[in-house]
């Protein structure tokens, strides 16, 4: 994505994350249906808390989102990496005072 490099199945501390962009400290996790189960959801929450306490940003997507709306997923990743697309598209106008 615009030159950002991601590592797949990257080890971070005691965990292995799905995708990791070291330059932005951004982690992307893809969750299947089993992540809806109570035990798995509790582990995910603890894991995400640890990662965030270490200074990483974590975003999660359901596997079904990847298939049903890949454009929205890519846009969310873009915004996490670079900020708002609208902010880049509409530069500030200078006023004379």
C-alpha atoms as a PDB file:
ATOM      1  CA  UNK A   1       0.000   0.000   0.000  1.00  0.00           C
ATOM      2  CA  UNK A   2       1.802   3.113  -1.262  1.00  0.00           C
ATOM      3  CA  UNK A   3       5.205   1.681  -0.378  1.00  0.00           C
ATOM      4  CA  UNK A   4       4.382   0.501   3.133  1.00  0.00           C
ATOM      5  CA  UNK A   5       5.905  -2.856   3.901  1.00  0.00           C
ATOM      6  CA  UNK A   6       4.064  -5.501   5.871  1.00  0.00           C
ATOM      7  CA  UNK A   7       5.362  -8.684   7.413  1.00  0.00           C
ATOM      8  CA  UNK A   8       3.055 -11.688   7.488  1.00  0.00           C
ATOM      9  CA  UNK A   9       2.866 -13.868  10.609  1.00  0.00           C
ATOM     10  CA  UNK A  10       5.272 -11.571  12.433  1.00  0.00           C
ATOM     11  CA  UNK A  11       6.406 -12.408  15.975  1.00  0.00           C
ATOM     12  CA  UNK A  12       5.930  -9.557  18.455  1.00  0.00           C
ATOM     13  CA  UNK A  13       6.689 -10.325  22.080  1.00  0.00           C
ATOM     14  CA  UNK A  14       4.857 -13.509  23.056  1.00  0.00           C
ATOM     15  CA  UNK A  15       2.493 -13.281  20.064  1.00  0.00           C
ATOM     16  CA  UNK A  16       2.459 -13.844  16.321  1.00  0.00           C
ATOM     17  CA  UNK A  17       0.334 -11.280  14.480  1.00  0.00           C
ATOM     18  CA  UNK A  18      -1.262 -11.705  11.063  1.00  0.00           C
ATOM     19  CA  UNK A  19       0.249  -8.601   9.429  1.00  0.00           C
ATOM     20  CA  UNK A  20       2.664  -5.997  10.780  1.00  0.00           C
ATOM     21  CA  UNK A  21       3.905  -2.702   9.325  1.00  0.00           C
ATOM     22  CA  UNK A  22       7.021  -1.895  11.396  1.00  0.00           C
ATOM     23  CA  UNK A  23       7.378   1.693  10.120  1.00  0.00           C
ATOM     24  CA  UNK A  24       3.899   2.605  11.397  1.00  0.00           C
ATOM     25  CA  UNK A  25       3.737   0.109  14.298  1.00  0.00           C
ATOM     26  CA  UNK A  26       0.448  -1.038  12.783  1.00  0.00           C
ATOM     27  CA  UNK A  27      -0.892  -4.548  13.273  1.00  0.00           C
ATOM     28  CA  UNK A  28      -3.712  -5.996  11.206  1.00  0.00           C
ATOM     29  CA  UNK A  29      -5.528  -9.051  12.514  1.00  0.00           C
ATOM     30  CA  UNK A  30      -7.974 -11.123  10.469  1.00  0.00           C
ATOM     31  CA  UNK A  31     -10.567 -12.955  12.519  1.00  0.00           C
ATOM     32  CA  UNK A  32     -12.558 -16.014  11.554  1.00  0.00           C
ATOM     33  CA  UNK A  33     -15.810 -17.123  13.168  1.00  0.00           C
ATOM     34  CA  UNK A  34     -14.083 -18.838  16.092  1.00  0.00           C
ATOM     35  CA  UNK A  35     -13.012 -15.396  17.351  1.00  0.00           C
ATOM     36  CA  UNK A  36     -16.664 -14.897  18.307  1.00  0.00           C
ATOM     37  CA  UNK A  37     -16.408 -17.617  20.957  1.00  0.00           C
ATOM     38  CA  UNK A  38     -16.059 -16.345  24.528  1.00  0.00           C
ATOM     39  CA  UNK A  39     -12.665 -17.932  25.285  1.00  0.00           C
ATOM     40  CA  UNK A  40     -11.113 -16.807  22.019  1.00  0.00           C
ATOM     41  CA  UNK A  41     -12.584 -13.301  22.310  1.00  0.00           C
ATOM     42  CA  UNK A  42     -11.159 -12.983  25.840  1.00  0.00           C
ATOM     43  CA  UNK A  43      -7.701 -14.059  24.635  1.00  0.00           C
ATOM     44  CA  UNK A  44      -7.930 -11.612  21.724  1.00  0.00           C
ATOM     45  CA  UNK A  45      -8.804  -8.783  24.116  1.00  0.00           C
ATOM     46  CA  UNK A  46      -5.870  -9.575  26.423  1.00  0.00           C
ATOM     47  CA  UNK A  47      -3.511  -9.905  23.470  1.00  0.00           C
ATOM     48  CA  UNK A  48      -4.664  -6.616  21.943  1.00  0.00           C
ATOM     49  CA  UNK A  49      -4.292  -4.882  25.305  1.00  0.00           C
ATOM     50  CA  UNK A  50      -0.705  -6.114  25.620  1.00  0.00           C
ATOM     51  CA  UNK A  51       0.149  -4.998  22.077  1.00  0.00           C
ATOM     52  CA  UNK A  52      -1.400  -1.553  22.587  1.00  0.00           C
ATOM     53  CA  UNK A  53       0.432  -1.133  25.905  1.00  0.00           C
ATOM     54  CA  UNK A  54       3.652  -1.801  23.994  1.00  0.00           C
ATOM     55  CA  UNK A  55       2.817   1.059  21.611  1.00  0.00           C
ATOM     56  CA  UNK A  56       1.332  -0.831  18.657  1.00  0.00           C
ATOM     57  CA  UNK A  57      -1.917   0.092  16.918  1.00  0.00           C
ATOM     58  CA  UNK A  58      -4.167  -2.880  16.228  1.00  0.00           C
ATOM     59  CA  UNK A  59      -7.011  -3.023  13.738  1.00  0.00           C
ATOM     60  CA  UNK A  60      -9.155  -6.091  13.243  1.00  0.00           C
ATOM     61  CA  UNK A  61     -11.277  -7.325  10.373  1.00  0.00           C
ATOM     62  CA  UNK A  62     -13.586 -10.290  10.102  1.00  0.00           C
ATOM     63  CA  UNK A  63     -12.643 -12.652   7.293  1.00  0.00           C
ATOM     64  CA  UNK A  64     -16.120 -12.063   5.881  1.00  0.00           C
ATOM     65  CA  UNK A  65     -15.356  -8.321   5.538  1.00  0.00           C
ATOM     66  CA  UNK A  66     -12.378  -9.114   3.324  1.00  0.00           C
ATOM     67  CA  UNK A  67     -14.614 -11.021   0.922  1.00  0.00           C
ATOM     68  CA  UNK A  68     -17.710  -8.846   1.067  1.00  0.00           C
ATOM     69  CA  UNK A  69     -16.204  -5.333   1.030  1.00  0.00           C
ATOM     70  CA  UNK A  70     -12.481  -5.341   0.247  1.00  0.00           C
ATOM     71  CA  UNK A  71     -12.557  -1.674  -0.790  1.00  0.00           C
ATOM     72  CA  UNK A  72     -13.742  -0.608   2.672  1.00  0.00           C
ATOM     73  CA  UNK A  73     -11.040  -2.745   4.276  1.00  0.00           C
ATOM     74  CA  UNK A  74      -8.324  -1.203   2.107  1.00  0.00           C
ATOM     75  CA  UNK A  75      -9.624   2.308   2.795  1.00  0.00           C
ATOM     76  CA  UNK A  76      -9.539   1.681   6.551  1.00  0.00           C
ATOM     77  CA  UNK A  77      -5.955   0.422   6.311  1.00  0.00           C
ATOM     78  CA  UNK A  78      -5.002   3.449   4.199  1.00  0.00           C
ATOM     79  CA  UNK A  79      -6.473   5.852   6.760  1.00  0.00           C
ATOM     80  CA  UNK A  80      -4.628   4.069   9.584  1.00  0.00           C
ATOM     81  CA  UNK A  81      -1.365   4.330   7.659  1.00  0.00           C
ATOM     82  CA  UNK A  82      -1.617   7.839   6.221  1.00  0.00           C
ATOM     83  CA  UNK A  83      -4.553   9.645   7.806  1.00  0.00           C
ATOM     84  CA  UNK A  84      -7.707  10.901   6.137  1.00  0.00           C
ATOM     85  CA  UNK A  85      -7.878  10.692   2.368  1.00  0.00           C
ATOM     86  CA  UNK A  86     -10.016  13.851   2.357  1.00  0.00           C
ATOM     87  CA  UNK A  87      -7.310  15.782   4.223  1.00  0.00           C
ATOM     88  CA  UNK A  88      -4.829  14.962   1.483  1.00  0.00           C
ATOM     89  CA  UNK A  89      -7.270  15.682  -1.335  1.00  0.00           C
ATOM     90  CA  UNK A  90      -8.336  19.110  -0.039  1.00  0.00           C
ATOM     91  CA  UNK A  91      -5.338  21.265   0.894  1.00  0.00           C
ATOM     92  CA  UNK A  92      -5.949  24.187   3.210  1.00  0.00           C
ATOM     93  CA  UNK A  93      -6.738  27.467   1.488  1.00  0.00           C
ATOM     94  CA  UNK A  94      -4.904  30.542   2.699  1.00  0.00           C
ATOM     95  CA  UNK A  95      -6.888  33.686   3.442  1.00  0.00           C
ATOM     96  CA  UNK A  96      -5.680  37.216   3.190  1.00  0.00           C
ATOM     97  CA  UNK A  97      -6.222  39.250   6.319  1.00  0.00           C
END
